[in-house]
Amino acid sequence: TCPEMLMMLLYVESLEDNEIFIAEGVLQVTKLTNPKG
């Protein structure tokens, strides 16, 4: 629903126990309801 966050899959290495990642200013364009139904 915020497709710009997908960019992290391209260049971000996996997080370790003392790391986090923050994304600022990403665009939310849709809402997806009841994904498991």
PDB file of all heavy atoms in Angstrom:
ATOM      1  N   THR A   1       0.826  -1.209   0.000  1.00  0.00           N
ATOM      2  CA  THR A   1       0.000   0.000   0.000  1.00  0.00           C
ATOM      3  C   THR A   1       0.862   1.263   0.000  1.00  0.00           C
ATOM      4  O   THR A   1       0.379   2.339  -0.332  1.00  0.00           O
ATOM      5  CB  THR A   1      -0.938   0.026   1.209  1.00  0.00           C
ATOM      6  OG1 THR A   1      -0.173  -0.126   2.413  1.00  0.00           O
ATOM      7  CG2 THR A   1      -1.954  -1.115   1.115  1.00  0.00           C
ATOM      8  N   CYS A   2       2.134   1.131   0.375  1.00  0.00           N
ATOM      9  CA  CYS A   2       3.138   2.204   0.253  1.00  0.00           C
ATOM     10  C   CYS A   2       4.276   1.647  -0.597  1.00  0.00           C
ATOM     11  O   CYS A   2       5.340   1.290  -0.071  1.00  0.00           O
ATOM     12  CB  CYS A   2       3.649   2.645   1.617  1.00  0.00           C
ATOM     13  SG  CYS A   2       2.382   3.216   2.757  1.00  0.00           S
ATOM     14  N   PRO A   3       4.085   1.527  -1.925  1.00  0.00           N
ATOM     15  CA  PRO A   3       5.034   0.770  -2.771  1.00  0.00           C
ATOM     16  C   PRO A   3       6.464   1.283  -2.731  1.00  0.00           C
ATOM     17  O   PRO A   3       7.396   0.511  -3.011  1.00  0.00           O
ATOM     18  CB  PRO A   3       4.435   0.925  -4.174  1.00  0.00           C
ATOM     19  CG  PRO A   3       2.993   1.225  -3.954  1.00  0.00           C
ATOM     20  CD  PRO A   3       2.950   2.041  -2.702  1.00  0.00           C
ATOM     21  N   GLU A   4       6.664   2.548  -2.383  1.00  0.00           N
ATOM     22  CA  GLU A   4       8.031   3.072  -2.365  1.00  0.00           C
ATOM     23  C   GLU A   4       8.892   2.386  -1.311  1.00  0.00           C
ATOM     24  O   GLU A   4      10.130   2.401  -1.413  1.00  0.00           O
ATOM     25  CB  GLU A   4       7.990   4.583  -2.126  1.00  0.00           C
ATOM     26  CG  GLU A   4       7.423   5.341  -3.322  1.00  0.00           C
ATOM     27  CD  GLU A   4       7.037   6.774  -2.990  1.00  0.00           C
ATOM     28  OE1 GLU A   4       6.863   7.081  -1.802  1.00  0.00           O
ATOM     29  OE2 GLU A   4       6.913   7.577  -3.934  1.00  0.00           O
ATOM     30  N   MET A   5       8.280   1.776  -0.318  1.00  0.00           N
ATOM     31  CA  MET A   5       9.048   1.029   0.689  1.00  0.00           C
ATOM     32  C   MET A   5       9.669  -0.237   0.107  1.00  0.00           C
ATOM     33  O   MET A   5      10.607  -0.794   0.686  1.00  0.00           O
ATOM     34  CB  MET A   5       8.153   0.674   1.870  1.00  0.00           C
ATOM     35  CG  MET A   5       7.700   1.873   2.693  1.00  0.00           C
ATOM     36  SD  MET A   5       6.673   1.398   4.103  1.00  0.00           S
ATOM     37  CE  MET A   5       7.854   0.499   5.099  1.00  0.00           C
ATOM     38  N   LEU A   6       9.159  -0.700  -1.044  1.00  0.00           N
ATOM     39  CA  LEU A   6       9.729  -1.896  -1.671  1.00  0.00           C
ATOM     40  C   LEU A   6      11.178  -1.689  -2.073  1.00  0.00           C
ATOM     41  O   LEU A   6      11.922  -2.661  -2.236  1.00  0.00           O
ATOM     42  CB  LEU A   6       8.900  -2.281  -2.900  1.00  0.00           C
ATOM     43  CG  LEU A   6       7.486  -2.805  -2.642  1.00  0.00           C
ATOM     44  CD1 LEU A   6       6.742  -2.976  -3.959  1.00  0.00           C
ATOM     45  CD2 LEU A   6       7.529  -4.122  -1.889  1.00  0.00           C
ATOM     46  N   MET A   7      11.597  -0.441  -2.229  1.00  0.00           N
ATOM     47  CA  MET A   7      12.979  -0.173  -2.617  1.00  0.00           C
ATOM     48  C   MET A   7      13.968  -0.739  -1.609  1.00  0.00           C
ATOM     49  O   MET A   7      15.109  -1.066  -1.954  1.00  0.00           O
ATOM     50  CB  MET A   7      13.186   1.333  -2.771  1.00  0.00           C
ATOM     51  CG  MET A   7      14.605   1.727  -3.145  1.00  0.00           C
ATOM     52  SD  MET A   7      14.844   3.499  -3.152  1.00  0.00           S
ATOM     53  CE  MET A   7      16.630   3.583  -3.355  1.00  0.00           C
ATOM     54  N   MET A   8      13.554  -0.875  -0.355  1.00  0.00           N
ATOM     55  CA  MET A   8      14.459  -1.399   0.669  1.00  0.00           C
ATOM     56  C   MET A   8      14.912  -2.812   0.342  1.00  0.00           C
ATOM     57  O   MET A   8      16.002  -3.226   0.736  1.00  0.00           O
ATOM     58  CB  MET A   8      13.780  -1.352   2.037  1.00  0.00           C
ATOM     59  CG  MET A   8      13.476   0.055   2.530  1.00  0.00           C
ATOM     60  SD  MET A   8      12.800   0.101   4.212  1.00  0.00           S
ATOM     61  CE  MET A   8      11.189  -0.613   3.944  1.00  0.00           C
ATOM     62  N   LEU A   9      14.091  -3.578  -0.382  1.00  0.00           N
ATOM     63  CA  LEU A   9      14.468  -4.944  -0.737  1.00  0.00           C
ATOM     64  C   LEU A   9      15.666  -4.957  -1.670  1.00  0.00           C
ATOM     65  O   LEU A   9      16.401  -5.946  -1.732  1.00  0.00           O
ATOM     66  CB  LEU A   9      13.301  -5.663  -1.412  1.00  0.00           C
ATOM     67  CG  LEU A   9      12.220  -6.261  -0.506  1.00  0.00           C
ATOM     68  CD1 LEU A   9      11.406  -5.181   0.188  1.00  0.00           C
ATOM     69  CD2 LEU A   9      11.293  -7.161  -1.307  1.00  0.00           C
ATOM     70  N   LEU A  10      15.876  -3.882  -2.400  1.00  0.00           N
ATOM     71  CA  LEU A  10      16.935  -3.844  -3.408  1.00  0.00           C
ATOM     72  C   LEU A  10      18.310  -3.623  -2.802  1.00  0.00           C
ATOM     73  O   LEU A  10      19.288  -4.240  -3.242  1.00  0.00           O
ATOM     74  CB  LEU A  10      16.628  -2.745  -4.431  1.00  0.00           C
ATOM     75  CG  LEU A  10      17.670  -2.506  -5.526  1.00  0.00           C
ATOM     76  CD1 LEU A  10      17.850  -3.743  -6.388  1.00  0.00           C
ATOM     77  CD2 LEU A  10      17.287  -1.299  -6.385  1.00  0.00           C
ATOM     78  N   TYR A  11      18.418  -2.781  -1.769  1.00  0.00           N
ATOM     79  CA  TYR A  11      19.759  -2.370  -1.345  1.00  0.00           C
ATOM     80  C   TYR A  11      20.011  -2.479   0.158  1.00  0.00           C
ATOM     81  O   TYR A  11      21.125  -2.198   0.622  1.00  0.00           O
ATOM     82  CB  TYR A  11      20.016  -0.924  -1.789  1.00  0.00           C
ATOM     83  CG  TYR A  11      19.471   0.144  -0.881  1.00  0.00           C
ATOM     84  CD1 TYR A  11      20.311   0.863  -0.034  1.00  0.00           C
ATOM     85  CD2 TYR A  11      18.112   0.444  -0.844  1.00  0.00           C
ATOM     86  CE1 TYR A  11      19.821   1.849   0.801  1.00  0.00           C
ATOM     87  CE2 TYR A  11      17.611   1.420  -0.017  1.00  0.00           C
ATOM     88  CZ  TYR A  11      18.466   2.125   0.799  1.00  0.00           C
ATOM     89  OH  TYR A  11      17.975   3.103   1.629  1.00  0.00           O
ATOM     90  N   VAL A  12      19.034  -2.898   0.949  1.00  0.00           N
ATOM     91  CA  VAL A  12      19.191  -2.935   2.402  1.00  0.00           C
ATOM     92  C   VAL A  12      19.514  -4.355   2.849  1.00  0.00           C
ATOM     93  O   VAL A  12      18.744  -5.288   2.603  1.00  0.00           O
ATOM     94  CB  VAL A  12      17.915  -2.440   3.111  1.00  0.00           C
ATOM     95  CG1 VAL A  12      18.074  -2.545   4.627  1.00  0.00           C
ATOM     96  CG2 VAL A  12      17.619  -0.997   2.711  1.00  0.00           C
ATOM     97  N   GLU A  13      20.659  -4.515   3.497  1.00  0.00           N
ATOM     98  CA  GLU A  13      21.010  -5.812   4.071  1.00  0.00           C
ATOM     99  C   GLU A  13      20.112  -6.131   5.264  1.00  0.00           C
ATOM    100  O   GLU A  13      19.545  -5.242   5.899  1.00  0.00           O
ATOM    101  CB  GLU A  13      22.475  -5.811   4.523  1.00  0.00           C
ATOM    102  CG  GLU A  13      23.464  -6.140   3.432  1.00  0.00           C
ATOM    103  CD  GLU A  13      24.780  -6.593   4.011  1.00  0.00           C
ATOM    104  OE1 GLU A  13      25.428  -5.821   4.721  1.00  0.00           O
ATOM    105  OE2 GLU A  13      25.163  -7.752   3.748  1.00  0.00           O
ATOM    106  N   SER A  14      19.994  -7.397   5.579  1.00  0.00           N
ATOM    107  CA  SER A  14      19.138  -7.837   6.678  1.00  0.00           C
ATOM    108  C   SER A  14      19.570  -7.190   7.988  1.00  0.00           C
ATOM    109  O   SER A  14      20.749  -6.913   8.217  1.00  0.00           O
ATOM    110  CB  SER A  14      19.178  -9.360   6.801  1.00  0.00           C
ATOM    111  OG  SER A  14      20.514  -9.803   6.991  1.00  0.00           O
ATOM    112  N   LEU A  15      18.597  -6.945   8.854  1.00  0.00           N
ATOM    113  CA  LEU A  15      18.835  -6.278  10.125  1.00  0.00           C
ATOM    114  C   LEU A  15      19.396  -7.258  11.150  1.00  0.00           C
ATOM    115  O   LEU A  15      18.990  -8.418  11.204  1.00  0.00           O
ATOM    116  CB  LEU A  15      17.537  -5.675  10.652  1.00  0.00           C
ATOM    117  CG  LEU A  15      16.863  -4.629   9.761  1.00  0.00           C
ATOM    118  CD1 LEU A  15      15.540  -4.181  10.382  1.00  0.00           C
ATOM    119  CD2 LEU A  15      17.765  -3.430   9.527  1.00  0.00           C
ATOM    120  N   GLU A  16      20.314  -6.759  11.976  1.00  0.00           N
ATOM    121  CA  GLU A  16      20.845  -7.553  13.082  1.00  0.00           C
ATOM    122  C   GLU A  16      20.204  -7.112  14.391  1.00  0.00           C
ATOM    123  O   GLU A  16      19.348  -6.229  14.426  1.00  0.00           O
ATOM    124  CB  GLU A  16      22.366  -7.436  13.129  1.00  0.00           C
ATOM    125  CG  GLU A  16      23.038  -8.094  11.929  1.00  0.00           C
ATOM    126  CD  GLU A  16      24.487  -8.410  12.180  1.00  0.00           C
ATOM    127  OE1 GLU A  16      25.291  -7.472  12.349  1.00  0.00           O
ATOM    128  OE2 GLU A  16      24.828  -9.611  12.214  1.00  0.00           O
ATOM    129  N   ASP A  17      20.642  -7.727  15.489  1.00  0.00           N
ATOM    130  CA  ASP A  17      19.961  -7.550  16.767  1.00  0.00           C
ATOM    131  C   ASP A  17      20.030  -6.126  17.299  1.00  0.00           C
ATOM    132  O   ASP A  17      19.237  -5.759  18.169  1.00  0.00           O
ATOM    133  CB  ASP A  17      20.550  -8.502  17.812  1.00  0.00           C
ATOM    134  CG  ASP A  17      20.211  -9.952  17.517  1.00  0.00           C
ATOM    135  OD1 ASP A  17      19.168 -10.194  16.886  1.00  0.00           O
ATOM    136  OD2 ASP A  17      20.986 -10.840  17.904  1.00  0.00           O
ATOM    137  N   ASN A  18      20.952  -5.319  16.825  1.00  0.00           N
ATOM    138  CA  ASN A  18      21.092  -3.947  17.317  1.00  0.00           C
ATOM    139  C   ASN A  18      20.814  -2.924  16.221  1.00  0.00           C
ATOM    140  O   ASN A  18      21.360  -1.820  16.234  1.00  0.00           O
ATOM    141  CB  ASN A  18      22.500  -3.728  17.875  1.00  0.00           C
ATOM    142  CG  ASN A  18      23.580  -3.928  16.816  1.00  0.00           C
ATOM    143  OD1 ASN A  18      23.392  -4.658  15.842  1.00  0.00           O
ATOM    144  ND2 ASN A  18      24.714  -3.281  16.990  1.00  0.00           N
ATOM    145  N   GLU A  19      19.952  -3.265  15.263  1.00  0.00           N
ATOM    146  CA  GLU A  19      19.689  -2.384  14.130  1.00  0.00           C
ATOM    147  C   GLU A  19      18.188  -2.259  13.865  1.00  0.00           C
ATOM    148  O   GLU A  19      17.416  -3.195  14.109  1.00  0.00           O
ATOM    149  CB  GLU A  19      20.361  -2.914  12.859  1.00  0.00           C
ATOM    150  CG  GLU A  19      21.872  -3.000  12.931  1.00  0.00           C
ATOM    151  CD  GLU A  19      22.462  -3.562  11.645  1.00  0.00           C
ATOM    152  OE1 GLU A  19      21.911  -4.540  11.117  1.00  0.00           O
ATOM    153  OE2 GLU A  19      23.459  -3.010  11.180  1.00  0.00           O
ATOM    154  N   ILE A  20      17.800  -1.090  13.350  1.00  0.00           N
ATOM    155  CA  ILE A  20      16.442  -0.877  12.851  1.00  0.00           C
ATOM    156  C   ILE A  20      16.552  -0.051  11.566  1.00  0.00           C
ATOM    157  O   ILE A  20      17.630   0.449  11.217  1.00  0.00           O
ATOM    158  CB  ILE A  20      15.540  -0.160  13.877  1.00  0.00           C
ATOM    159  CG1 ILE A  20      16.123   1.200  14.282  1.00  0.00           C
ATOM    160  CG2 ILE A  20      15.349  -1.035  15.103  1.00  0.00           C
ATOM    161  CD1 ILE A  20      15.580   2.376  13.518  1.00  0.00           C
ATOM    162  N   PHE A  21      15.426   0.105  10.873  1.00  0.00           N
ATOM    163  CA  PHE A  21      15.431   0.880   9.632  1.00  0.00           C
ATOM    164  C   PHE A  21      14.204   1.782   9.623  1.00  0.00           C
ATOM    165  O   PHE A  21      13.103   1.355  10.008  1.00  0.00           O
ATOM    166  CB  PHE A  21      15.416  -0.050   8.409  1.00  0.00           C
ATOM    167  CG  PHE A  21      16.034   0.557   7.187  1.00  0.00           C
ATOM    168  CD1 PHE A  21      17.400   0.524   7.007  1.00  0.00           C
ATOM    169  CD2 PHE A  21      15.258   1.190   6.226  1.00  0.00           C
ATOM    170  CE1 PHE A  21      17.987   1.091   5.885  1.00  0.00           C
ATOM    171  CE2 PHE A  21      15.823   1.754   5.114  1.00  0.00           C
ATOM    172  CZ  PHE A  21      17.203   1.709   4.933  1.00  0.00           C
ATOM    173  N   ILE A  22      14.390   3.028   9.196  1.00  0.00           N
ATOM    174  CA  ILE A  22      13.311   4.016   9.176  1.00  0.00           C
ATOM    175  C   ILE A  22      13.132   4.544   7.761  1.00  0.00           C
ATOM    176  O   ILE A  22      14.112   4.872   7.080  1.00  0.00           O
ATOM    177  CB  ILE A  22      13.594   5.168  10.149  1.00  0.00           C
ATOM    178  CG1 ILE A  22      13.482   4.673  11.594  1.00  0.00           C
ATOM    179  CG2 ILE A  22      12.648   6.332   9.926  1.00  0.00           C
ATOM    180  CD1 ILE A  22      13.677   5.739  12.643  1.00  0.00           C
ATOM    181  N   ALA A  23      11.884   4.608   7.312  1.00  0.00           N
ATOM    182  CA  ALA A  23      11.511   5.164   6.008  1.00  0.00           C
ATOM    183  C   ALA A  23      10.634   6.384   6.242  1.00  0.00           C
ATOM    184  O   ALA A  23       9.584   6.288   6.881  1.00  0.00           O
ATOM    185  CB  ALA A  23      10.776   4.122   5.173  1.00  0.00           C
ATOM    186  N   GLU A  24      11.062   7.533   5.717  1.00  0.00           N
ATOM    187  CA  GLU A  24      10.333   8.783   5.910  1.00  0.00           C
ATOM    188  C   GLU A  24       9.841   9.315   4.566  1.00  0.00           C
ATOM    189  O   GLU A  24      10.567   9.300   3.585  1.00  0.00           O
ATOM    190  CB  GLU A  24      11.229   9.836   6.572  1.00  0.00           C
ATOM    191  CG  GLU A  24      11.836   9.412   7.895  1.00  0.00           C
ATOM    192  CD  GLU A  24      12.766  10.457   8.451  1.00  0.00           C
ATOM    193  OE1 GLU A  24      12.350  11.635   8.566  1.00  0.00           O
ATOM    194  OE2 GLU A  24      13.932  10.116   8.750  1.00  0.00           O
ATOM    195  N   GLY A  25       8.611   9.800   4.574  1.00  0.00           N
ATOM    196  CA  GLY A  25       8.063  10.460   3.393  1.00  0.00           C
ATOM    197  C   GLY A  25       7.617   9.519   2.297  1.00  0.00           C
ATOM    198  O   GLY A  25       7.591   9.915   1.130  1.00  0.00           O
ATOM    199  N   VAL A  26       7.241   8.276   2.632  1.00  0.00           N
ATOM    200  CA  VAL A  26       6.757   7.339   1.610  1.00  0.00           C
ATOM    201  C   VAL A  26       5.265   7.566   1.389  1.00  0.00           C
ATOM    202  O   VAL A  26       4.516   7.925   2.296  1.00  0.00           O
ATOM    203  CB  VAL A  26       7.029   5.872   2.020  1.00  0.00           C
ATOM    204  CG1 VAL A  26       8.512   5.609   2.059  1.00  0.00           C
ATOM    205  CG2 VAL A  26       6.408   5.559   3.373  1.00  0.00           C
ATOM    206  N   LEU A  27       4.833   7.350   0.175  1.00  0.00           N
ATOM    207  CA  LEU A  27       3.478   7.679  -0.252  1.00  0.00           C
ATOM    208  C   LEU A  27       2.550   6.489  -0.082  1.00  0.00           C
ATOM    209  O   LEU A  27       2.823   5.406  -0.604  1.00  0.00           O
ATOM    210  CB  LEU A  27       3.507   8.120  -1.722  1.00  0.00           C
ATOM    211  CG  LEU A  27       2.244   8.726  -2.316  1.00  0.00           C
ATOM    212  CD1 LEU A  27       1.923  10.054  -1.654  1.00  0.00           C
ATOM    213  CD2 LEU A  27       2.417   8.917  -3.819  1.00  0.00           C
ATOM    214  N   GLN A  28       1.468   6.687   0.660  1.00  0.00           N
ATOM    215  CA  GLN A  28       0.438   5.656   0.783  1.00  0.00           C
ATOM    216  C   GLN A  28      -0.678   5.970  -0.213  1.00  0.00           C
ATOM    217  O   GLN A  28      -1.304   7.019  -0.156  1.00  0.00           O
ATOM    218  CB  GLN A  28      -0.140   5.599   2.199  1.00  0.00           C
ATOM    219  CG  GLN A  28      -1.176   4.496   2.380  1.00  0.00           C
ATOM    220  CD  GLN A  28      -1.909   4.579   3.701  1.00  0.00           C
ATOM    221  OE1 GLN A  28      -1.898   5.619   4.346  1.00  0.00           O
ATOM    222  NE2 GLN A  28      -2.554   3.492   4.089  1.00  0.00           N
ATOM    223  N   VAL A  29      -0.951   5.041  -1.118  1.00  0.00           N
ATOM    224  CA  VAL A  29      -1.896   5.296  -2.203  1.00  0.00           C
ATOM    225  C   VAL A  29      -3.169   4.483  -2.080  1.00  0.00           C
ATOM    226  O   VAL A  29      -4.192   4.831  -2.686  1.00  0.00           O
ATOM    227  CB  VAL A  29      -1.233   5.023  -3.569  1.00  0.00           C
ATOM    228  CG1 VAL A  29      -0.111   6.024  -3.825  1.00  0.00           C
ATOM    229  CG2 VAL A  29      -0.702   3.591  -3.639  1.00  0.00           C
ATOM    230  N   THR A  30      -3.148   3.372  -1.320  1.00  0.00           N
ATOM    231  CA  THR A  30      -4.323   2.506  -1.228  1.00  0.00           C
ATOM    232  C   THR A  30      -4.476   1.974   0.190  1.00  0.00           C
ATOM    233  O   THR A  30      -3.565   2.092   1.031  1.00  0.00           O
ATOM    234  CB  THR A  30      -4.221   1.306  -2.188  1.00  0.00           C
ATOM    235  OG1 THR A  30      -3.061   0.535  -1.842  1.00  0.00           O
ATOM    236  CG2 THR A  30      -4.144   1.762  -3.634  1.00  0.00           C
ATOM    237  N   LYS A  31      -5.616   1.363   0.440  1.00  0.00           N
ATOM    238  CA  LYS A  31      -5.879   0.599   1.655  1.00  0.00           C
ATOM    239  C   LYS A  31      -6.341  -0.785   1.238  1.00  0.00           C
ATOM    240  O   LYS A  31      -7.210  -0.916   0.383  1.00  0.00           O
ATOM    241  CB  LYS A  31      -6.951   1.273   2.514  1.00  0.00           C
ATOM    242  CG  LYS A  31      -6.546   2.622   3.084  1.00  0.00           C
ATOM    243  CD  LYS A  31      -7.671   3.204   3.927  1.00  0.00           C
ATOM    244  CE  LYS A  31      -7.291   4.562   4.488  1.00  0.00           C
ATOM    245  NZ  LYS A  31      -8.407   5.155   5.292  1.00  0.00           N
ATOM    246  N   LEU A  32      -5.733  -1.804   1.839  1.00  0.00           N
ATOM    247  CA  LEU A  32      -6.076  -3.185   1.517  1.00  0.00           C
ATOM    248  C   LEU A  32      -6.697  -3.811   2.753  1.00  0.00           C
ATOM    249  O   LEU A  32      -6.044  -3.904   3.797  1.00  0.00           O
ATOM    250  CB  LEU A  32      -4.834  -3.950   1.072  1.00  0.00           C
ATOM    251  CG  LEU A  32      -5.044  -5.154   0.157  1.00  0.00           C
ATOM    252  CD1 LEU A  32      -3.775  -5.463  -0.614  1.00  0.00           C
ATOM    253  CD2 LEU A  32      -5.459  -6.379   0.964  1.00  0.00           C
ATOM    254  N   THR A  33      -7.946  -4.219   2.639  1.00  0.00           N
ATOM    255  CA  THR A  33      -8.678  -4.754   3.779  1.00  0.00           C
ATOM    256  C   THR A  33      -8.819  -6.265   3.673  1.00  0.00           C
ATOM    257  O   THR A  33      -8.900  -6.827   2.580  1.00  0.00           O
ATOM    258  CB  THR A  33     -10.069  -4.108   3.861  1.00  0.00           C
ATOM    259  OG1 THR A  33     -10.796  -4.368   2.655  1.00  0.00           O
ATOM    260  CG2 THR A  33      -9.948  -2.600   4.053  1.00  0.00           C
ATOM    261  N   ASN A  34      -8.847  -6.906   4.850  1.00  0.00           N
ATOM    262  CA  ASN A  34      -9.072  -8.345   4.977  1.00  0.00           C
ATOM    263  C   ASN A  34      -8.188  -9.160   4.029  1.00  0.00           C
ATOM    264  O   ASN A  34      -8.679  -9.926   3.197  1.00  0.00           O
ATOM    265  CB  ASN A  34     -10.544  -8.672   4.715  1.00  0.00           C
ATOM    266  CG  ASN A  34     -10.918 -10.058   5.212  1.00  0.00           C
ATOM    267  OD1 ASN A  34     -10.198 -10.665   6.008  1.00  0.00           O
ATOM    268  ND2 ASN A  34     -12.032 -10.585   4.727  1.00  0.00           N
ATOM    269  N   PRO A  35      -6.866  -9.036   4.148  1.00  0.00           N
ATOM    270  CA  PRO A  35      -5.992  -9.760   3.223  1.00  0.00           C
ATOM    271  C   PRO A  35      -6.047 -11.281   3.379  1.00  0.00           C
ATOM    272  O   PRO A  35      -5.698 -11.998   2.446  1.00  0.00           O
ATOM    273  CB  PRO A  35      -4.593  -9.230   3.577  1.00  0.00           C
ATOM    274  CG  PRO A  35      -4.714  -8.758   4.983  1.00  0.00           C
ATOM    275  CD  PRO A  35      -6.106  -8.254   5.141  1.00  0.00           C
ATOM    276  N   LYS A  36      -6.484 -11.774   4.529  1.00  0.00           N
ATOM    277  CA  LYS A  36      -6.527 -13.222   4.749  1.00  0.00           C
ATOM    278  C   LYS A  36      -7.891 -13.813   4.409  1.00  0.00           C
ATOM    279  O   LYS A  36      -8.113 -15.003   4.602  1.00  0.00           O
ATOM    280  CB  LYS A  36      -6.171 -13.544   6.205  1.00  0.00           C
ATOM    281  CG  LYS A  36      -4.771 -13.074   6.603  1.00  0.00           C
ATOM    282  CD  LYS A  36      -4.427 -13.491   8.007  1.00  0.00           C
ATOM    283  CE  LYS A  36      -3.082 -12.922   8.442  1.00  0.00           C
ATOM    284  NZ  LYS A  36      -1.977 -13.378   7.604  1.00  0.00           N
ATOM    285  N   GLY A  37      -8.808 -12.973   3.909  1.00  0.00           N
ATOM    286  CA  GLY A  37     -10.137 -13.446   3.539  1.00  0.00           C
ATOM    287  C   GLY A  37     -10.559 -12.898   2.186  1.00  0.00           C
ATOM    288  O   GLY A  37      -9.855 -13.035   1.187  1.00  0.00           O
TER     289      GLY A  37
END
